[in-house]
Amino acid sequence: MINTRAEKNEEIASLSEKFARSKAAFLVDYKGMNVEQVTLLRKKLTTLKSEMKVVRNTLAIRALKDHPKAEEAVANDFVGTNAVVFAYEDASASAKALDEFSKDVEALKLKTGVMDGERLDTAKIKMLANLPSKEALRGQLLGLFNMPATQFVRVLNAAPSSFLNVMNAYKDKQEQK
């Protein structure tokens, strides 16, 4: 439990640093979850380079003072029991994990989030969760880069193939006579 002013200032500085370092932050209500469920969620998030931190609302709001866009987006949502999920790398993967976990554990409620200073409501978080993974997007991009070369090779290959087809048809016609 945080009691002294120095401990509170230390916690505010830590939260401010986490908001600055994260690509996205999601506010969730964990009321009703048992310790085992919270631990399982934290383990899932850790593998995705994310972190779930239970916060005191007043300290989180004070930490957001260093980040005016994020403060404007989510400061009014710090009501009730809250935890902040900081996504340090892939925001989409963290959103997907939270969305899937909230389907399995009804006690977990996605409230809101912030990414690049923009507010994310529940619908936007679910939309972010449905985006393809970073690896899938990279594969699609590489496929797009490779497509012109593939089509060029097909065109080059088509001319000799067509010529051979014509010659074979001519040969077959000559054999039938």
N, C-alpha and C. Protein backbone atom coordinates (compact mmCIF):
# COMPACT_ATOMS: atom_id res chain seq x y z
N MET A 1 0.84 -1.19 0.00
CA MET A 1 0.00 0.00 0.00
C MET A 1 0.88 1.24 0.00
N ILE A 2 0.55 2.17 -0.81
CA ILE A 2 1.32 3.41 -0.94
C ILE A 2 0.80 4.39 0.10
N ASN A 3 1.70 4.83 0.98
CA ASN A 3 1.26 5.72 2.05
C ASN A 3 1.93 7.09 2.01
N THR A 4 3.22 7.12 1.86
CA THR A 4 3.93 8.39 1.96
C THR A 4 3.90 9.16 0.65
N ARG A 5 4.12 10.44 0.76
CA ARG A 5 4.14 11.31 -0.42
C ARG A 5 5.25 10.88 -1.38
N ALA A 6 6.39 10.47 -0.84
CA ALA A 6 7.51 10.03 -1.69
C ALA A 6 7.14 8.78 -2.47
N GLU A 7 6.44 7.84 -1.82
CA GLU A 7 6.01 6.62 -2.52
C GLU A 7 5.00 6.96 -3.62
N LYS A 8 4.10 7.90 -3.33
CA LYS A 8 3.12 8.30 -4.33
C LYS A 8 3.81 8.96 -5.52
N ASN A 9 4.78 9.84 -5.25
CA ASN A 9 5.50 10.50 -6.33
C ASN A 9 6.29 9.50 -7.16
N GLU A 10 6.84 8.50 -6.50
CA GLU A 10 7.57 7.44 -7.21
C GLU A 10 6.63 6.64 -8.11
N GLU A 11 5.45 6.33 -7.61
CA GLU A 11 4.45 5.58 -8.38
C GLU A 11 3.97 6.42 -9.57
N ILE A 12 3.75 7.71 -9.37
CA ILE A 12 3.33 8.60 -10.45
C ILE A 12 4.40 8.65 -11.53
N ALA A 13 5.66 8.77 -11.13
CA ALA A 13 6.75 8.81 -12.10
C ALA A 13 6.84 7.49 -12.87
N SER A 14 6.65 6.38 -12.18
CA SER A 14 6.69 5.06 -12.83
C SER A 14 5.56 4.93 -13.85
N LEU A 15 4.35 5.34 -13.46
CA LEU A 15 3.21 5.27 -14.39
C LEU A 15 3.42 6.19 -15.58
N SER A 16 3.94 7.38 -15.34
CA SER A 16 4.19 8.33 -16.42
C SER A 16 5.19 7.75 -17.42
N GLU A 17 6.22 7.09 -16.91
CA GLU A 17 7.24 6.46 -17.77
C GLU A 17 6.61 5.34 -18.58
N LYS A 18 5.71 4.57 -17.98
CA LYS A 18 5.04 3.47 -18.69
C LYS A 18 4.13 4.01 -19.79
N PHE A 19 3.41 5.10 -19.52
CA PHE A 19 2.57 5.72 -20.54
C PHE A 19 3.43 6.23 -21.70
N ALA A 20 4.60 6.80 -21.38
CA ALA A 20 5.49 7.34 -22.42
C ALA A 20 6.07 6.23 -23.28
N ARG A 21 6.40 5.11 -22.66
CA ARG A 21 7.07 4.00 -23.36
C ARG A 21 6.11 3.14 -24.17
N SER A 22 4.84 3.12 -23.79
CA SER A 22 3.89 2.20 -24.43
C SER A 22 3.38 2.76 -25.75
N LYS A 23 3.10 1.84 -26.67
CA LYS A 23 2.50 2.20 -27.96
C LYS A 23 1.00 2.44 -27.79
N ALA A 24 0.41 1.73 -26.82
CA ALA A 24 -1.00 1.88 -26.51
C ALA A 24 -1.22 1.50 -25.05
N ALA A 25 -2.27 2.04 -24.47
CA ALA A 25 -2.64 1.68 -23.10
C ALA A 25 -4.14 1.44 -23.08
N PHE A 26 -4.54 0.35 -22.45
CA PHE A 26 -5.95 -0.03 -22.39
C PHE A 26 -6.40 -0.02 -20.93
N LEU A 27 -7.55 0.57 -20.68
CA LEU A 27 -8.11 0.62 -19.34
C LEU A 27 -9.13 -0.50 -19.21
N VAL A 28 -8.95 -1.36 -18.22
CA VAL A 28 -9.86 -2.49 -18.03
C VAL A 28 -10.37 -2.51 -16.59
N ASP A 29 -11.57 -3.03 -16.43
CA ASP A 29 -12.16 -3.24 -15.11
C ASP A 29 -12.01 -4.72 -14.80
N TYR A 30 -11.28 -5.02 -13.74
CA TYR A 30 -10.99 -6.41 -13.40
C TYR A 30 -11.83 -6.91 -12.23
N LYS A 31 -12.78 -6.10 -11.74
CA LYS A 31 -13.59 -6.46 -10.58
C LYS A 31 -14.31 -7.78 -10.83
N GLY A 32 -14.17 -8.70 -9.91
CA GLY A 32 -14.81 -10.00 -10.03
C GLY A 32 -13.88 -11.10 -10.51
N MET A 33 -12.69 -10.73 -10.94
CA MET A 33 -11.72 -11.75 -11.37
C MET A 33 -11.01 -12.29 -10.14
N ASN A 34 -10.73 -13.60 -10.16
CA ASN A 34 -9.97 -14.17 -9.05
C ASN A 34 -8.47 -14.08 -9.34
N VAL A 35 -7.67 -14.39 -8.36
CA VAL A 35 -6.21 -14.25 -8.47
C VAL A 35 -5.66 -15.12 -9.60
N GLU A 36 -6.19 -16.32 -9.76
CA GLU A 36 -5.73 -17.22 -10.81
C GLU A 36 -5.98 -16.62 -12.20
N GLN A 37 -7.14 -16.02 -12.39
CA GLN A 37 -7.46 -15.40 -13.68
C GLN A 37 -6.57 -14.20 -13.97
N VAL A 38 -6.33 -13.37 -12.94
CA VAL A 38 -5.46 -12.20 -13.12
C VAL A 38 -4.05 -12.65 -13.46
N THR A 39 -3.57 -13.68 -12.77
CA THR A 39 -2.23 -14.21 -13.03
C THR A 39 -2.12 -14.76 -14.44
N LEU A 40 -3.13 -15.48 -14.88
CA LEU A 40 -3.14 -16.04 -16.24
C LEU A 40 -3.12 -14.92 -17.28
N LEU A 41 -3.91 -13.88 -17.07
CA LEU A 41 -3.93 -12.74 -18.00
C LEU A 41 -2.57 -12.05 -18.03
N ARG A 42 -1.97 -11.85 -16.87
CA ARG A 42 -0.65 -11.20 -16.82
C ARG A 42 0.39 -12.02 -17.57
N LYS A 43 0.35 -13.34 -17.43
CA LYS A 43 1.30 -14.19 -18.15
C LYS A 43 1.11 -14.07 -19.66
N LYS A 44 -0.16 -14.08 -20.10
CA LYS A 44 -0.43 -13.92 -21.53
C LYS A 44 0.12 -12.60 -22.05
N LEU A 45 -0.11 -11.54 -21.31
CA LEU A 45 0.33 -10.22 -21.72
C LEU A 45 1.85 -10.09 -21.71
N THR A 46 2.50 -10.73 -20.76
CA THR A 46 3.96 -10.66 -20.68
C THR A 46 4.61 -11.25 -21.92
N THR A 47 4.04 -12.34 -22.45
CA THR A 47 4.61 -12.93 -23.67
C THR A 47 4.46 -12.00 -24.87
N LEU A 48 3.52 -11.05 -24.79
CA LEU A 48 3.29 -10.10 -25.88
C LEU A 48 4.00 -8.77 -25.64
N LYS A 49 4.91 -8.73 -24.69
CA LYS A 49 5.62 -7.50 -24.32
C LYS A 49 4.63 -6.43 -23.86
N SER A 50 3.68 -6.86 -23.03
CA SER A 50 2.69 -5.96 -22.44
C SER A 50 2.69 -6.19 -20.94
N GLU A 51 2.07 -5.28 -20.24
CA GLU A 51 2.05 -5.35 -18.78
C GLU A 51 0.72 -4.84 -18.26
N MET A 52 0.17 -5.56 -17.28
CA MET A 52 -1.07 -5.12 -16.63
C MET A 52 -0.71 -4.59 -15.25
N LYS A 53 -1.13 -3.37 -14.99
CA LYS A 53 -0.80 -2.71 -13.73
C LYS A 53 -2.09 -2.22 -13.08
N VAL A 54 -2.37 -2.70 -11.88
CA VAL A 54 -3.52 -2.20 -11.12
C VAL A 54 -3.10 -0.83 -10.59
N VAL A 55 -3.96 0.16 -10.80
CA VAL A 55 -3.59 1.53 -10.46
C VAL A 55 -4.64 2.19 -9.57
N ARG A 56 -4.16 3.13 -8.79
CA ARG A 56 -5.08 4.01 -8.07
C ARG A 56 -5.45 5.12 -9.04
N ASN A 57 -6.72 5.37 -9.16
CA ASN A 57 -7.21 6.33 -10.15
C ASN A 57 -6.55 7.70 -10.02
N THR A 58 -6.45 8.21 -8.80
CA THR A 58 -5.89 9.55 -8.62
C THR A 58 -4.44 9.61 -9.06
N LEU A 59 -3.68 8.54 -8.78
CA LEU A 59 -2.27 8.53 -9.18
C LEU A 59 -2.13 8.41 -10.70
N ALA A 60 -3.00 7.62 -11.33
CA ALA A 60 -2.95 7.47 -12.79
C ALA A 60 -3.28 8.79 -13.47
N ILE A 61 -4.28 9.49 -12.94
CA ILE A 61 -4.65 10.78 -13.52
C ILE A 61 -3.52 11.78 -13.38
N ARG A 62 -2.83 11.76 -12.24
CA ARG A 62 -1.69 12.66 -12.06
C ARG A 62 -0.54 12.28 -12.98
N ALA A 63 -0.36 10.98 -13.24
CA ALA A 63 0.70 10.54 -14.16
C ALA A 63 0.39 10.97 -15.59
N LEU A 64 -0.87 11.05 -15.93
CA LEU A 64 -1.27 11.46 -17.28
C LEU A 64 -1.04 12.96 -17.53
N LYS A 65 -0.81 13.73 -16.50
CA LYS A 65 -0.55 15.17 -16.66
C LYS A 65 0.66 15.41 -17.56
N ASP A 66 1.60 14.48 -17.58
CA ASP A 66 2.80 14.59 -18.43
C ASP A 66 2.49 14.27 -19.89
N HIS A 67 1.30 13.75 -20.16
CA HIS A 67 0.91 13.32 -21.51
C HIS A 67 -0.46 13.92 -21.83
N PRO A 68 -0.50 15.20 -22.23
CA PRO A 68 -1.78 15.90 -22.39
C PRO A 68 -2.77 15.23 -23.34
N LYS A 69 -2.31 14.68 -24.46
CA LYS A 69 -3.25 14.04 -25.40
C LYS A 69 -3.89 12.81 -24.76
N ALA A 70 -3.08 12.00 -24.11
CA ALA A 70 -3.60 10.80 -23.45
C ALA A 70 -4.51 11.19 -22.29
N GLU A 71 -4.13 12.23 -21.58
CA GLU A 71 -4.96 12.69 -20.46
C GLU A 71 -6.33 13.11 -20.96
N GLU A 72 -6.36 13.87 -22.04
CA GLU A 72 -7.63 14.32 -22.61
C GLU A 72 -8.47 13.12 -23.06
N ALA A 73 -7.81 12.08 -23.55
CA ALA A 73 -8.52 10.92 -24.10
C ALA A 73 -9.14 10.03 -23.03
N VAL A 74 -8.43 9.79 -21.92
CA VAL A 74 -8.91 8.77 -20.98
C VAL A 74 -9.02 9.18 -19.53
N ALA A 75 -8.61 10.36 -19.15
CA ALA A 75 -8.60 10.73 -17.73
C ALA A 75 -9.96 10.61 -17.07
N ASN A 76 -11.03 10.93 -17.80
CA ASN A 76 -12.37 10.87 -17.21
C ASN A 76 -12.89 9.45 -17.01
N ASP A 77 -12.19 8.46 -17.55
CA ASP A 77 -12.64 7.07 -17.45
C ASP A 77 -12.09 6.35 -16.23
N PHE A 78 -11.23 6.99 -15.48
CA PHE A 78 -10.67 6.37 -14.28
C PHE A 78 -11.66 6.46 -13.13
N VAL A 79 -12.66 5.56 -13.18
CA VAL A 79 -13.69 5.48 -12.16
C VAL A 79 -13.84 4.01 -11.80
N GLY A 80 -13.92 3.69 -10.54
CA GLY A 80 -14.09 2.30 -10.12
C GLY A 80 -12.76 1.57 -10.05
N THR A 81 -12.84 0.24 -10.11
CA THR A 81 -11.62 -0.58 -10.06
C THR A 81 -11.01 -0.67 -11.45
N ASN A 82 -9.77 -0.24 -11.57
CA ASN A 82 -9.13 -0.19 -12.88
C ASN A 82 -7.75 -0.79 -12.86
N ALA A 83 -7.41 -1.32 -14.02
CA ALA A 83 -6.04 -1.73 -14.29
C ALA A 83 -5.71 -1.17 -15.67
N VAL A 84 -4.46 -0.83 -15.86
CA VAL A 84 -4.02 -0.33 -17.16
C VAL A 84 -3.14 -1.39 -17.78
N VAL A 85 -3.43 -1.73 -19.03
CA VAL A 85 -2.59 -2.67 -19.78
C VAL A 85 -1.74 -1.83 -20.73
N PHE A 86 -0.44 -1.86 -20.51
CA PHE A 86 0.49 -1.12 -21.34
C PHE A 86 1.02 -2.06 -22.42
N ALA A 87 0.82 -1.71 -23.69
CA ALA A 87 1.32 -2.50 -24.82
C ALA A 87 2.60 -1.83 -25.31
N TYR A 88 3.74 -2.45 -25.05
CA TYR A 88 5.02 -1.84 -25.39
C TYR A 88 5.45 -2.10 -26.83
N GLU A 89 4.92 -3.15 -27.45
CA GLU A 89 5.32 -3.44 -28.84
C GLU A 89 4.12 -3.47 -29.77
N ASP A 90 3.41 -4.58 -29.83
CA ASP A 90 2.31 -4.75 -30.78
C ASP A 90 0.97 -4.50 -30.08
N ALA A 91 0.41 -3.31 -30.31
CA ALA A 91 -0.86 -2.95 -29.68
C ALA A 91 -1.98 -3.88 -30.13
N SER A 92 -1.95 -4.29 -31.38
CA SER A 92 -2.98 -5.17 -31.92
C SER A 92 -2.99 -6.52 -31.20
N ALA A 93 -1.82 -7.07 -30.96
CA ALA A 93 -1.73 -8.37 -30.27
C ALA A 93 -2.25 -8.27 -28.84
N SER A 94 -1.93 -7.18 -28.17
CA SER A 94 -2.42 -6.98 -26.80
C SER A 94 -3.93 -6.81 -26.78
N ALA A 95 -4.46 -6.05 -27.73
CA ALA A 95 -5.91 -5.86 -27.83
C ALA A 95 -6.60 -7.19 -28.10
N LYS A 96 -6.00 -8.00 -28.97
CA LYS A 96 -6.56 -9.32 -29.29
C LYS A 96 -6.58 -10.21 -28.04
N ALA A 97 -5.49 -10.20 -27.29
CA ALA A 97 -5.42 -11.01 -26.07
C ALA A 97 -6.48 -10.56 -25.06
N LEU A 98 -6.64 -9.25 -24.89
CA LEU A 98 -7.66 -8.74 -23.96
C LEU A 98 -9.07 -9.10 -24.43
N ASP A 99 -9.32 -8.96 -25.72
CA ASP A 99 -10.64 -9.27 -26.27
C ASP A 99 -10.97 -10.75 -26.08
N GLU A 100 -10.03 -11.63 -26.40
CA GLU A 100 -10.25 -13.07 -26.24
C GLU A 100 -10.43 -13.44 -24.77
N PHE A 101 -9.61 -12.84 -23.91
CA PHE A 101 -9.70 -13.15 -22.48
C PHE A 101 -11.03 -12.66 -21.91
N SER A 102 -11.51 -11.50 -22.38
CA SER A 102 -12.79 -10.98 -21.87
C SER A 102 -13.96 -11.85 -22.32
N LYS A 103 -13.81 -12.58 -23.43
CA LYS A 103 -14.86 -13.51 -23.86
C LYS A 103 -14.90 -14.74 -22.95
N ASP A 104 -13.70 -15.17 -22.50
CA ASP A 104 -13.61 -16.34 -21.62
C ASP A 104 -13.95 -16.00 -20.17
N VAL A 105 -13.53 -14.82 -19.74
CA VAL A 105 -13.74 -14.39 -18.35
C VAL A 105 -14.61 -13.13 -18.39
N GLU A 106 -15.88 -13.32 -18.13
CA GLU A 106 -16.83 -12.22 -18.27
C GLU A 106 -16.58 -11.08 -17.29
N ALA A 107 -15.85 -11.35 -16.20
CA ALA A 107 -15.59 -10.31 -15.20
C ALA A 107 -14.66 -9.23 -15.75
N LEU A 108 -13.84 -9.56 -16.75
CA LEU A 108 -12.93 -8.57 -17.33
C LEU A 108 -13.71 -7.71 -18.33
N LYS A 109 -13.71 -6.42 -18.09
CA LYS A 109 -14.43 -5.49 -18.97
C LYS A 109 -13.44 -4.54 -19.62
N LEU A 110 -13.46 -4.49 -20.95
CA LEU A 110 -12.67 -3.51 -21.68
C LEU A 110 -13.40 -2.17 -21.57
N LYS A 111 -12.73 -1.17 -21.05
CA LYS A 111 -13.39 0.12 -20.88
C LYS A 111 -13.02 1.08 -22.01
N THR A 112 -11.76 1.38 -22.11
CA THR A 112 -11.30 2.34 -23.10
C THR A 112 -9.80 2.18 -23.28
N GLY A 113 -9.24 2.94 -24.17
CA GLY A 113 -7.81 2.89 -24.39
C GLY A 113 -7.33 4.16 -25.05
N VAL A 114 -6.03 4.25 -25.20
CA VAL A 114 -5.42 5.39 -25.88
C VAL A 114 -4.24 4.88 -26.70
N MET A 115 -4.18 5.36 -27.95
CA MET A 115 -3.07 5.00 -28.83
C MET A 115 -2.75 6.24 -29.67
N ASP A 116 -1.50 6.64 -29.65
CA ASP A 116 -1.06 7.85 -30.36
C ASP A 116 -1.90 9.08 -29.98
N GLY A 117 -2.27 9.15 -28.71
CA GLY A 117 -3.04 10.30 -28.23
C GLY A 117 -4.51 10.26 -28.59
N GLU A 118 -4.95 9.22 -29.27
CA GLU A 118 -6.35 9.09 -29.69
C GLU A 118 -7.08 8.12 -28.76
N ARG A 119 -8.30 8.49 -28.42
CA ARG A 119 -9.13 7.65 -27.57
C ARG A 119 -9.63 6.43 -28.35
N LEU A 120 -9.60 5.29 -27.70
CA LEU A 120 -10.13 4.06 -28.28
C LEU A 120 -11.30 3.60 -27.42
N ASP A 121 -12.50 3.60 -27.98
CA ASP A 121 -13.62 3.03 -27.24
C ASP A 121 -13.59 1.51 -27.43
N THR A 122 -14.55 0.83 -26.84
CA THR A 122 -14.56 -0.64 -26.90
C THR A 122 -14.63 -1.15 -28.34
N ALA A 123 -15.42 -0.49 -29.17
CA ALA A 123 -15.54 -0.92 -30.58
C ALA A 123 -14.19 -0.78 -31.30
N LYS A 124 -13.48 0.30 -31.06
CA LYS A 124 -12.18 0.49 -31.70
C LYS A 124 -11.15 -0.51 -31.19
N ILE A 125 -11.24 -0.85 -29.91
CA ILE A 125 -10.32 -1.85 -29.36
C ILE A 125 -10.59 -3.20 -30.02
N LYS A 126 -11.86 -3.55 -30.20
CA LYS A 126 -12.21 -4.82 -30.86
C LYS A 126 -11.77 -4.80 -32.33
N MET A 127 -11.89 -3.65 -32.99
CA MET A 127 -11.44 -3.53 -34.37
C MET A 127 -9.91 -3.71 -34.44
N LEU A 128 -9.19 -3.11 -33.49
CA LEU A 128 -7.74 -3.26 -33.41
C LEU A 128 -7.38 -4.73 -33.17
N ALA A 129 -8.20 -5.40 -32.36
CA ALA A 129 -7.95 -6.81 -32.05
C ALA A 129 -8.12 -7.70 -33.28
N ASN A 130 -8.96 -7.29 -34.22
CA ASN A 130 -9.22 -8.10 -35.41
C ASN A 130 -8.24 -7.85 -36.55
N LEU A 131 -7.32 -6.92 -36.36
CA LEU A 131 -6.31 -6.69 -37.39
C LEU A 131 -5.37 -7.89 -37.48
N PRO A 132 -4.82 -8.16 -38.66
CA PRO A 132 -3.85 -9.25 -38.78
C PRO A 132 -2.60 -8.94 -37.95
N SER A 133 -1.88 -9.98 -37.59
CA SER A 133 -0.66 -9.79 -36.81
C SER A 133 0.41 -9.09 -37.65
N LYS A 134 1.42 -8.62 -36.97
CA LYS A 134 2.52 -7.93 -37.65
C LYS A 134 3.19 -8.86 -38.66
N GLU A 135 3.35 -10.14 -38.31
CA GLU A 135 3.99 -11.09 -39.21
C GLU A 135 3.12 -11.31 -40.46
N ALA A 136 1.80 -11.41 -40.28
CA ALA A 136 0.90 -11.59 -41.42
C ALA A 136 0.94 -10.37 -42.35
N LEU A 137 0.96 -9.19 -41.76
CA LEU A 137 1.05 -7.97 -42.58
C LEU A 137 2.37 -7.90 -43.34
N ARG A 138 3.45 -8.32 -42.70
CA ARG A 138 4.75 -8.34 -43.38
C ARG A 138 4.72 -9.32 -44.55
N GLY A 139 4.11 -10.48 -44.35
CA GLY A 139 3.99 -11.47 -45.42
C GLY A 139 3.18 -10.93 -46.60
N GLN A 140 2.08 -10.23 -46.29
CA GLN A 140 1.26 -9.64 -47.35
C GLN A 140 2.05 -8.58 -48.11
N LEU A 141 2.81 -7.78 -47.39
CA LEU A 141 3.61 -6.74 -48.04
C LEU A 141 4.69 -7.35 -48.93
N LEU A 142 5.37 -8.38 -48.44
CA LEU A 142 6.38 -9.05 -49.26
C LEU A 142 5.74 -9.68 -50.50
N GLY A 143 4.54 -10.21 -50.35
CA GLY A 143 3.83 -10.77 -51.50
C GLY A 143 3.53 -9.70 -52.54
N LEU A 144 3.15 -8.52 -52.07
CA LEU A 144 2.89 -7.41 -52.99
C LEU A 144 4.17 -6.97 -53.71
N PHE A 145 5.28 -6.95 -52.98
CA PHE A 145 6.56 -6.58 -53.59
C PHE A 145 6.98 -7.61 -54.64
N ASN A 146 6.69 -8.86 -54.39
CA ASN A 146 7.11 -9.96 -55.25
C ASN A 146 6.19 -10.12 -56.47
N MET A 147 4.97 -9.61 -56.39
CA MET A 147 3.99 -9.83 -57.45
C MET A 147 4.43 -9.33 -58.84
N PRO A 148 4.97 -8.13 -59.00
CA PRO A 148 5.38 -7.70 -60.35
C PRO A 148 6.43 -8.61 -60.98
N ALA A 149 7.39 -9.06 -60.18
CA ALA A 149 8.42 -9.95 -60.72
C ALA A 149 7.80 -11.28 -61.14
N THR A 150 6.88 -11.80 -60.35
CA THR A 150 6.21 -13.06 -60.68
C THR A 150 5.42 -12.92 -61.97
N GLN A 151 4.68 -11.84 -62.11
CA GLN A 151 3.90 -11.63 -63.33
C GLN A 151 4.82 -11.45 -64.55
N PHE A 152 5.94 -10.79 -64.38
CA PHE A 152 6.89 -10.61 -65.48
C PHE A 152 7.43 -11.95 -65.95
N VAL A 153 7.78 -12.82 -65.01
CA VAL A 153 8.28 -14.15 -65.37
C VAL A 153 7.20 -14.95 -66.09
N ARG A 154 5.94 -14.83 -65.66
CA ARG A 154 4.84 -15.53 -66.34
C ARG A 154 4.69 -15.04 -67.78
N VAL A 155 4.81 -13.73 -67.99
CA VAL A 155 4.69 -13.18 -69.34
C VAL A 155 5.84 -13.68 -70.21
N LEU A 156 7.05 -13.68 -69.66
CA LEU A 156 8.20 -14.18 -70.42
C LEU A 156 8.04 -15.66 -70.75
N ASN A 157 7.48 -16.40 -69.85
CA ASN A 157 7.29 -17.83 -70.04
C ASN A 157 6.14 -18.11 -71.02
N ALA A 158 5.18 -17.21 -71.11
CA ALA A 158 4.00 -17.44 -71.95
C ALA A 158 4.34 -17.45 -73.43
N ALA A 159 5.25 -16.60 -73.88
CA ALA A 159 5.58 -16.53 -75.31
C ALA A 159 6.16 -17.85 -75.82
N PRO A 160 7.20 -18.41 -75.20
CA PRO A 160 7.70 -19.70 -75.69
C PRO A 160 6.67 -20.83 -75.56
N SER A 161 5.89 -20.81 -74.48
CA SER A 161 4.87 -21.85 -74.31
C SER A 161 3.84 -21.77 -75.42
N SER A 162 3.42 -20.58 -75.75
CA SER A 162 2.45 -20.40 -76.84
C SER A 162 3.03 -20.87 -78.15
N PHE A 163 4.28 -20.53 -78.42
CA PHE A 163 4.93 -20.96 -79.66
C PHE A 163 5.01 -22.47 -79.72
N LEU A 164 5.39 -23.11 -78.60
CA LEU A 164 5.46 -24.57 -78.56
C LEU A 164 4.08 -25.20 -78.77
N ASN A 165 3.05 -24.61 -78.22
CA ASN A 165 1.69 -25.13 -78.41
C ASN A 165 1.29 -25.07 -79.88
N VAL A 166 1.63 -23.97 -80.55
CA VAL A 166 1.31 -23.83 -81.97
C VAL A 166 2.08 -24.89 -82.77
N MET A 167 3.36 -25.07 -82.47
CA MET A 167 4.18 -26.06 -83.19
C MET A 167 3.66 -27.47 -82.97
N ASN A 168 3.26 -27.80 -81.72
CA ASN A 168 2.71 -29.13 -81.44
C ASN A 168 1.40 -29.35 -82.18
N ALA A 169 0.56 -28.33 -82.24
CA ALA A 169 -0.70 -28.44 -82.97
C ALA A 169 -0.43 -28.65 -84.46
N TYR A 170 0.56 -27.95 -85.01
CA TYR A 170 0.93 -28.11 -86.42
C TYR A 170 1.45 -29.52 -86.68
N LYS A 171 2.31 -30.02 -85.76
CA LYS A 171 2.85 -31.36 -85.90
C LYS A 171 1.73 -32.40 -85.86
N ASP A 172 0.80 -32.25 -84.91
CA ASP A 172 -0.32 -33.18 -84.80
C ASP A 172 -1.17 -33.16 -86.08
N LYS A 173 -1.37 -31.99 -86.64
CA LYS A 173 -2.14 -31.86 -87.88
C LYS A 173 -1.45 -32.54 -89.04
N GLN A 174 -0.11 -32.42 -89.10
CA GLN A 174 0.66 -33.04 -90.15
C GLN A 174 0.64 -34.56 -90.02
N GLU A 175 0.65 -35.07 -88.80
CA GLU A 175 0.63 -36.51 -88.55
C GLU A 175 -0.71 -37.11 -88.93
N GLN A 176 -1.79 -36.36 -88.80
CA GLN A 176 -3.12 -36.86 -89.12
C GLN A 176 -3.34 -36.98 -90.62
N LYS A 177 -2.60 -36.26 -91.40
CA LYS A 177 -2.76 -36.31 -92.85
C LYS A 177 -2.20 -37.55 -93.45
